[in-house]
């Protein structure tokens, strides 16, 4: 089976450790339902949720669901061409992410 010309040979898409192909397909459906765009509050919620998941892992909580949450957010952003915001989140540069939303969005 293929997803955007990539073979679905593993449980996780390339580069993911917790997100599944099923999650990726669900994320695409959600992006389609919202017209492939996000409002400022949507982006700020993504940043807050990503940050919370990151800090939970740093505090020693079981990382599986927290990584899945981070990958879910990053997948949705990449899928909707929000590459700059996704890059800031992936680097855990939350100040730059908030700045990008406030200034460039």
Protein backbone atom coordinates (compact mmCIF):
# COMPACT_ATOMS: atom_id res chain seq x y z
CA UNK A 1 0.00 0.00 0.00
CA UNK A 2 1.24 3.53 -0.78
CA UNK A 3 0.68 6.89 0.87
CA UNK A 4 1.83 9.87 -1.18
CA UNK A 5 4.09 7.58 -3.22
CA UNK A 6 5.75 6.18 -0.10
CA UNK A 7 5.53 2.50 0.65
CA UNK A 8 3.77 1.74 3.91
CA UNK A 9 6.11 -1.12 4.85
CA UNK A 10 6.38 -0.26 8.54
CA UNK A 11 3.97 0.73 11.28
CA UNK A 12 5.46 4.24 11.48
CA UNK A 13 6.04 6.71 8.66
CA UNK A 14 9.69 7.50 7.95
CA UNK A 15 11.19 9.62 10.71
CA UNK A 16 8.43 8.86 13.23
CA UNK A 17 8.83 6.76 16.36
CA UNK A 18 5.28 6.84 17.72
CA UNK A 19 2.95 8.15 14.98
CA UNK A 20 1.34 5.42 12.88
CA UNK A 21 0.19 5.44 9.26
CA UNK A 22 -3.36 5.33 10.59
CA UNK A 23 -2.65 8.51 12.56
CA UNK A 24 -1.17 10.14 9.45
CA UNK A 25 -4.27 9.37 7.39
CA UNK A 26 -6.52 10.73 10.17
CA UNK A 27 -4.42 13.90 10.33
CA UNK A 28 -4.81 14.36 6.58
CA UNK A 29 -8.59 14.02 6.89
CA UNK A 30 -8.62 16.64 9.66
CA UNK A 31 -6.48 18.98 7.54
CA UNK A 32 -8.82 18.50 4.60
CA UNK A 33 -11.84 19.24 6.79
CA UNK A 34 -10.32 22.56 7.92
CA UNK A 35 -9.37 23.58 4.39
CA UNK A 36 -5.63 22.99 4.83
CA UNK A 37 -5.27 26.13 6.93
CA UNK A 38 -5.00 27.07 10.57
CA UNK A 39 -6.00 30.19 12.46
CA UNK A 40 -3.74 31.99 14.91
CA UNK A 41 -5.48 30.30 17.88
CA UNK A 42 -5.03 26.90 16.17
CA UNK A 43 -1.30 27.51 15.78
CA UNK A 44 -0.93 28.73 19.34
CA UNK A 45 -2.75 25.58 20.56
CA UNK A 46 -0.35 23.42 18.51
CA UNK A 47 2.61 25.21 20.10
CA UNK A 48 1.19 24.83 23.63
CA UNK A 49 0.36 21.14 23.15
CA UNK A 50 3.77 20.41 21.60
CA UNK A 51 5.51 22.25 24.45
CA UNK A 52 3.47 20.40 27.11
CA UNK A 53 4.36 17.06 25.53
CA UNK A 54 8.04 18.01 25.37
CA UNK A 55 8.17 19.09 29.01
CA UNK A 56 6.32 15.95 30.12
CA UNK A 57 9.04 13.83 28.53
CA UNK A 58 11.75 15.99 30.11
CA UNK A 59 10.03 15.49 33.49
CA UNK A 60 10.42 11.72 33.10
CA UNK A 61 6.93 10.71 32.02
CA UNK A 62 6.51 7.77 29.63
CA UNK A 63 7.45 9.31 26.28
CA UNK A 64 5.36 7.15 23.94
CA UNK A 65 2.13 9.16 23.90
CA UNK A 66 3.97 12.45 24.22
CA UNK A 67 6.13 11.68 21.17
CA UNK A 68 2.99 10.63 19.34
CA UNK A 69 1.36 13.99 20.20
CA UNK A 70 4.40 15.93 18.99
CA UNK A 71 4.62 13.91 15.78
CA UNK A 72 0.87 14.33 15.21
CA UNK A 73 1.19 18.11 15.42
CA UNK A 74 4.28 18.18 13.22
CA UNK A 75 2.63 15.88 10.66
CA UNK A 76 -0.44 18.11 10.42
CA UNK A 77 1.69 21.23 10.03
CA UNK A 78 3.92 19.69 7.36
CA UNK A 79 0.91 18.26 5.54
CA UNK A 80 -0.64 21.75 5.39
CA UNK A 81 2.66 23.39 4.30
CA UNK A 82 3.36 25.14 7.60
CA UNK A 83 7.02 24.11 7.30
CA UNK A 84 8.52 27.07 9.19
CA UNK A 85 6.32 26.58 12.24
CA UNK A 86 6.93 22.84 12.17
CA UNK A 87 10.69 23.43 12.03
CA UNK A 88 10.55 25.61 15.12
CA UNK A 89 8.52 22.99 16.99
CA UNK A 90 10.78 20.16 15.90
CA UNK A 91 13.77 22.12 17.24
CA UNK A 92 11.82 22.88 20.44
CA UNK A 93 12.33 26.57 19.74
CA UNK A 94 8.98 27.65 21.17
CA UNK A 95 9.84 31.34 21.45
CA UNK A 96 10.58 31.50 17.72
CA UNK A 97 7.40 29.54 17.00
CA UNK A 98 5.29 32.07 18.93
CA UNK A 99 7.15 34.93 17.28
CA UNK A 100 6.49 33.44 13.83
CA UNK A 101 2.78 33.12 14.55
CA UNK A 102 2.59 36.67 15.91
CA UNK A 103 4.56 38.32 13.11
CA UNK A 104 4.48 36.22 9.96
CA UNK A 105 1.20 34.42 9.92
